[in-house]
Amino acid sequence: MTEAESPAISAGGPGLGPRYGTLYMVGGVAACLAAAAFFLMRRPPGERARPKLLWRRGYGLYYVLSFLAGARKQIYLTFGPFVLIKLFGQPVSRLALLMMLGNLLGVTVQPTVGRLIDRMGERFMLALGAALLFAITLGYAGAEWLAGRLWDDAAAARDAALAMLFACYVCDQLLFGSEIARETYLTKIAQKPEDISPTMSMGVTLNHLASMTLPFVGGMAWMAYGYQWVFLAGAGLALVMGALSLLVRTPGQGRRQGVSDGG
């Protein structure tokens, strides 16, 4: 493959940064150092050993939401970047800039998410996140179609579609902040404090299970039907997540709603 065929050969674009091998080596060294630091961690004296994973029927909705979040995660991690790099030929440097932009905007957005959770509750935040995800996935699926209808010039339509995809990617990154509502939901419904850590561990396990299987399934669908159908399936996933989010109930939710209604 020539450099012209792949504009993402180096991390900074063609000829502008370290090659992938160097980056992966640095990342591998950092991971080894982190593993060594974790290995040195010890349980405080006198603390009882806790189960690493906890499956309890009362936390079923949390488990399901965690599993679906793992599937949803691949839209940002796998399929969104693949559209930008593979189909629109964007260099990795541009993707890195979008990630930096998302991180900078996140500094402002994350506190707002926290305030919304405190004021409106976890159900509102999770449902809002699902609704926004629905819009983002439709944006990914329909950017080319919509731009082609609005602009007659092929180059202008491509640029407009690319701008829409950039916006979807950054918004998708910001949307991850809403998932903290899932964890605060667990802390409020936990039957006892010692349930929280192993239940979160079970949620992470389910999240990773979905995250590992979806890229293969989504890749097969991409090759068989086109990339748009992967994101349309993501829109369907967002609808399911939204419906399940409406089932979220936490202690004091009715009291909070009553205060809001009373003004």
Protein backbone atom coordinates (compact mmCIF):
# COMPACT_ATOMS: atom_id res chain seq x y z
CA MET A 1 0.00 0.00 0.00
CA THR A 2 1.44 3.37 -0.99
CA GLU A 3 1.32 6.57 1.02
CA ALA A 4 -1.22 7.97 -1.43
CA GLU A 5 -3.47 5.00 -0.87
CA SER A 6 -3.32 5.38 2.90
CA PRO A 7 -3.07 8.96 4.22
CA ALA A 8 -2.95 7.59 7.76
CA ILE A 9 0.46 5.92 7.55
CA SER A 10 1.88 7.97 10.41
CA ALA A 11 0.26 9.35 13.50
CA GLY A 12 0.66 12.91 12.30
CA GLY A 13 -0.31 12.25 8.70
CA PRO A 14 2.16 11.54 5.86
CA GLY A 15 5.67 12.36 7.02
CA LEU A 16 4.60 14.42 10.06
CA GLY A 17 5.03 12.19 13.08
CA PRO A 18 6.28 8.98 14.63
CA ARG A 19 5.23 5.80 12.93
CA TYR A 20 2.74 3.41 14.44
CA GLY A 21 5.41 1.02 15.70
CA THR A 22 6.94 3.69 17.92
CA LEU A 23 3.56 4.72 19.30
CA TYR A 24 2.61 1.15 20.11
CA MET A 25 5.96 0.57 21.78
CA VAL A 26 5.48 3.63 23.99
CA GLY A 27 1.96 2.48 24.80
CA GLY A 28 3.19 -1.01 25.63
CA VAL A 29 5.85 0.32 28.01
CA ALA A 30 3.26 2.54 29.71
CA ALA A 31 0.91 -0.43 30.08
CA CYS A 32 3.68 -2.52 31.67
CA LEU A 33 4.48 0.26 34.13
CA ALA A 34 0.80 0.57 35.02
CA ALA A 35 0.55 -3.21 35.50
CA ALA A 36 3.54 -3.12 37.85
CA ALA A 37 1.95 -0.31 39.86
CA PHE A 38 -1.33 -2.21 40.15
CA PHE A 39 0.54 -5.34 41.20
CA LEU A 40 2.05 -3.45 44.14
CA MET A 41 -1.37 -2.44 45.46
CA ARG A 42 -2.40 -4.24 48.64
CA ARG A 43 -5.69 -4.59 50.46
CA PRO A 44 -5.76 -2.51 53.67
CA PRO A 45 -5.13 -4.59 56.83
CA GLY A 46 -8.27 -6.02 58.32
CA GLU A 47 -10.42 -5.52 55.22
CA ARG A 48 -12.46 -8.57 54.33
CA ALA A 49 -12.08 -10.12 50.90
CA ARG A 50 -15.00 -9.30 48.64
CA PRO A 51 -16.33 -11.26 45.67
CA LYS A 52 -14.78 -10.05 42.43
CA LEU A 53 -18.06 -10.31 40.53
CA LEU A 54 -21.60 -10.14 41.82
CA TRP A 55 -24.74 -11.23 39.99
CA ARG A 56 -27.93 -10.27 41.76
CA ARG A 57 -31.40 -10.17 40.24
CA GLY A 58 -32.17 -6.77 41.71
CA TYR A 59 -29.41 -5.21 39.65
CA GLY A 60 -30.64 -6.73 36.38
CA LEU A 61 -31.41 -3.41 34.67
CA TYR A 62 -27.92 -2.15 35.48
CA TYR A 63 -26.40 -5.27 33.93
CA VAL A 64 -28.44 -4.92 30.75
CA LEU A 65 -27.60 -1.23 30.39
CA SER A 66 -23.91 -2.02 30.91
CA PHE A 67 -24.03 -4.71 28.21
CA LEU A 68 -25.74 -2.40 25.72
CA ALA A 69 -23.26 0.36 26.52
CA GLY A 70 -20.46 -1.98 25.45
CA ALA A 71 -22.16 -2.47 22.09
CA ARG A 72 -22.78 1.26 21.75
CA LYS A 73 -19.12 2.01 22.52
CA GLN A 74 -17.96 0.46 19.26
CA ILE A 75 -19.77 3.12 17.24
CA TYR A 76 -17.21 5.61 18.52
CA LEU A 77 -14.20 3.33 18.83
CA THR A 78 -14.51 1.29 15.63
CA PHE A 79 -17.12 2.22 13.07
CA GLY A 80 -17.02 6.02 13.27
CA PRO A 81 -13.24 6.20 12.74
CA PHE A 82 -13.46 3.55 10.01
CA VAL A 83 -15.88 5.74 8.03
CA LEU A 84 -13.64 8.78 8.37
CA ILE A 85 -10.36 7.05 7.57
CA LYS A 86 -11.34 4.26 5.18
CA LEU A 87 -14.16 5.87 3.22
CA PHE A 88 -13.24 9.56 3.40
CA GLY A 89 -9.45 9.17 3.48
CA GLN A 90 -8.89 11.32 6.55
CA PRO A 91 -5.41 11.19 8.13
CA VAL A 92 -5.04 9.97 11.67
CA SER A 93 -3.77 13.44 12.59
CA ARG A 94 -7.22 14.84 11.85
CA LEU A 95 -8.84 12.15 13.95
CA ALA A 96 -6.47 13.04 16.78
CA LEU A 97 -7.49 16.70 16.48
CA LEU A 98 -11.15 15.71 16.73
CA MET A 99 -10.38 13.71 19.86
CA MET A 100 -8.53 16.68 21.36
CA LEU A 101 -11.48 18.92 20.54
CA GLY A 102 -13.83 16.46 22.20
CA ASN A 103 -11.64 16.36 25.31
CA LEU A 104 -11.50 20.16 25.50
CA LEU A 105 -15.26 20.48 25.12
CA GLY A 106 -15.69 17.72 27.69
CA VAL A 107 -14.14 19.97 30.33
CA THR A 108 -17.23 22.17 29.98
CA VAL A 109 -19.78 19.46 29.28
CA GLN A 110 -18.96 17.03 32.10
CA PRO A 111 -19.87 19.38 34.98
CA THR A 112 -23.15 20.13 33.19
CA VAL A 113 -23.86 16.41 32.99
CA GLY A 114 -23.26 16.09 36.72
CA ARG A 115 -25.61 18.96 37.48
CA LEU A 116 -28.29 17.46 35.25
CA ILE A 117 -28.02 14.13 37.06
CA ASP A 118 -28.33 15.88 40.43
CA ARG A 119 -31.27 17.96 39.31
CA MET A 120 -33.18 15.69 36.93
CA GLY A 121 -32.06 12.21 37.96
CA GLU A 122 -30.44 9.24 36.30
CA ARG A 123 -33.49 8.26 34.26
CA PHE A 124 -33.58 11.64 32.51
CA MET A 125 -29.84 11.63 31.79
CA LEU A 126 -29.77 8.08 30.44
CA ALA A 127 -32.85 8.67 28.28
CA LEU A 128 -31.39 11.94 26.97
CA GLY A 129 -28.12 10.18 26.15
CA ALA A 130 -30.01 7.50 24.23
CA ALA A 131 -31.97 10.12 22.28
CA LEU A 132 -28.78 11.96 21.33
CA LEU A 133 -27.13 8.69 20.34
CA PHE A 134 -30.11 7.99 18.07
CA ALA A 135 -29.57 11.34 16.34
CA ILE A 136 -25.80 10.74 16.04
CA THR A 137 -26.17 7.30 14.48
CA LEU A 138 -28.70 8.62 11.97
CA GLY A 139 -26.20 11.38 11.21
CA TYR A 140 -23.49 8.83 10.48
CA ALA A 141 -25.84 6.78 8.30
CA GLY A 142 -27.37 9.67 6.38
CA ALA A 143 -24.60 12.26 6.05
CA GLU A 144 -23.73 11.36 2.45
CA TRP A 145 -27.37 11.05 1.43
CA LEU A 146 -28.37 14.38 2.97
CA ALA A 147 -25.37 16.27 1.61
CA GLY A 148 -26.03 14.87 -1.86
CA ARG A 149 -29.59 16.23 -1.73
CA LEU A 150 -28.53 19.68 -0.53
CA TRP A 151 -25.53 20.28 -2.81
CA ASP A 152 -25.38 19.62 -6.53
CA ASP A 153 -21.60 19.93 -6.69
CA ALA A 154 -19.98 16.60 -5.80
CA ALA A 155 -16.98 18.19 -4.06
CA ALA A 156 -19.20 20.50 -1.98
CA ALA A 157 -21.45 17.59 -1.07
CA ARG A 158 -18.48 15.53 0.05
CA ASP A 159 -17.14 18.38 2.19
CA ALA A 160 -20.55 18.89 3.76
CA ALA A 161 -20.92 15.18 4.50
CA LEU A 162 -17.46 15.15 6.05
CA ALA A 163 -18.34 18.13 8.25
CA MET A 164 -21.45 16.28 9.45
CA LEU A 165 -19.38 13.20 10.22
CA PHE A 166 -16.85 15.30 12.15
CA ALA A 167 -19.69 16.73 14.23
CA CYS A 168 -21.11 13.25 14.86
CA TYR A 169 -17.72 11.98 15.99
CA VAL A 170 -17.12 14.82 18.46
CA CYS A 171 -20.67 14.67 19.81
CA ASP A 172 -20.37 10.91 20.18
CA GLN A 173 -17.25 11.39 22.29
CA LEU A 174 -18.99 13.96 24.49
CA LEU A 175 -21.93 11.63 24.93
CA PHE A 176 -19.85 9.16 26.91
CA GLY A 177 -20.10 11.54 29.86
CA SER A 178 -23.79 10.71 30.23
CA GLU A 179 -22.91 7.12 31.10
CA ILE A 180 -21.82 8.17 34.59
CA ALA A 181 -25.56 8.20 35.34
CA ARG A 182 -25.51 4.41 35.06
CA GLU A 183 -22.95 4.16 37.84
CA THR A 184 -24.68 6.66 40.11
CA TYR A 185 -27.89 4.69 39.52
CA LEU A 186 -26.17 1.60 40.90
CA THR A 187 -24.90 3.42 43.98
CA LYS A 188 -28.46 4.51 44.76
CA ILE A 189 -30.12 1.11 44.34
CA ALA A 190 -27.35 -0.99 45.95
CA GLN A 191 -28.78 -3.08 48.77
CA LYS A 192 -25.58 -2.63 50.74
CA PRO A 193 -22.37 -0.64 50.12
CA GLU A 194 -20.19 -3.72 49.66
CA ASP A 195 -22.33 -4.72 46.65
CA ILE A 196 -21.22 -1.71 44.62
CA SER A 197 -17.68 -2.69 43.67
CA PRO A 198 -18.32 -6.31 42.58
CA THR A 199 -21.52 -5.30 40.79
CA MET A 200 -19.64 -2.62 38.86
CA SER A 201 -17.04 -5.26 38.02
CA MET A 202 -19.79 -7.49 36.63
CA GLY A 203 -21.09 -4.54 34.63
CA VAL A 204 -17.63 -3.89 33.18
CA THR A 205 -17.31 -7.59 32.31
CA LEU A 206 -20.61 -7.52 30.42
CA ASN A 207 -19.62 -4.24 28.79
CA HIS A 208 -16.40 -5.78 27.50
CA LEU A 209 -18.21 -8.92 26.36
CA ALA A 210 -20.44 -6.86 24.09
CA SER A 211 -17.53 -4.66 23.05
CA MET A 212 -15.50 -7.66 21.89
CA THR A 213 -18.26 -9.35 19.90
CA LEU A 214 -19.90 -6.40 18.15
CA PRO A 215 -16.98 -5.39 15.88
CA PHE A 216 -17.05 -8.83 14.23
CA VAL A 217 -20.82 -8.81 13.76
CA GLY A 218 -20.83 -5.18 12.64
CA GLY A 219 -17.94 -5.80 10.25
CA MET A 220 -19.81 -8.66 8.60
CA ALA A 221 -22.90 -6.47 8.22
CA TRP A 222 -20.74 -3.64 6.82
CA MET A 223 -19.30 -5.90 4.11
CA ALA A 224 -22.63 -7.50 3.27
CA TYR A 225 -24.96 -4.48 3.28
CA GLY A 226 -22.89 -1.28 3.51
CA TYR A 227 -21.76 0.92 6.36
CA GLN A 228 -25.09 2.77 6.60
CA TRP A 229 -26.81 -0.33 7.93
CA VAL A 230 -24.34 -0.64 10.78
CA PHE A 231 -25.31 2.82 11.99
CA LEU A 232 -29.01 2.20 11.40
CA ALA A 233 -28.62 -0.83 13.65
CA GLY A 234 -26.93 1.51 16.12
CA ALA A 235 -30.00 3.75 15.95
CA GLY A 236 -32.13 0.74 16.81
CA LEU A 237 -29.82 0.00 19.73
CA ALA A 238 -30.26 3.59 20.92
CA LEU A 239 -34.04 3.14 20.89
CA VAL A 240 -33.73 0.02 23.04
CA MET A 241 -31.41 1.83 25.45
CA GLY A 242 -33.86 4.72 25.65
CA ALA A 243 -36.79 2.43 26.40
CA LEU A 244 -34.84 0.65 29.14
CA SER A 245 -33.67 3.96 30.57
CA LEU A 246 -37.29 4.89 31.21
CA LEU A 247 -37.48 1.92 33.59
CA VAL A 248 -34.78 3.38 35.84
CA ARG A 249 -36.05 4.18 39.34
CA THR A 250 -34.02 5.42 42.28
CA PRO A 251 -34.95 6.08 45.93
CA GLY A 252 -36.30 9.60 46.31
CA GLN A 253 -37.09 9.97 42.62
CA GLY A 254 -40.75 10.57 43.26
CA ARG A 255 -39.88 13.14 45.93
CA ARG A 256 -37.57 14.96 43.49
CA GLN A 257 -40.27 14.94 40.84
CA GLY A 258 -42.76 16.33 43.28
CA VAL A 259 -40.46 19.21 44.17
CA SER A 260 -39.92 19.97 40.48
CA ASP A 261 -43.67 19.92 39.78
CA GLY A 262 -44.35 22.13 42.74
CA GLY A 263 -41.92 24.62 41.39
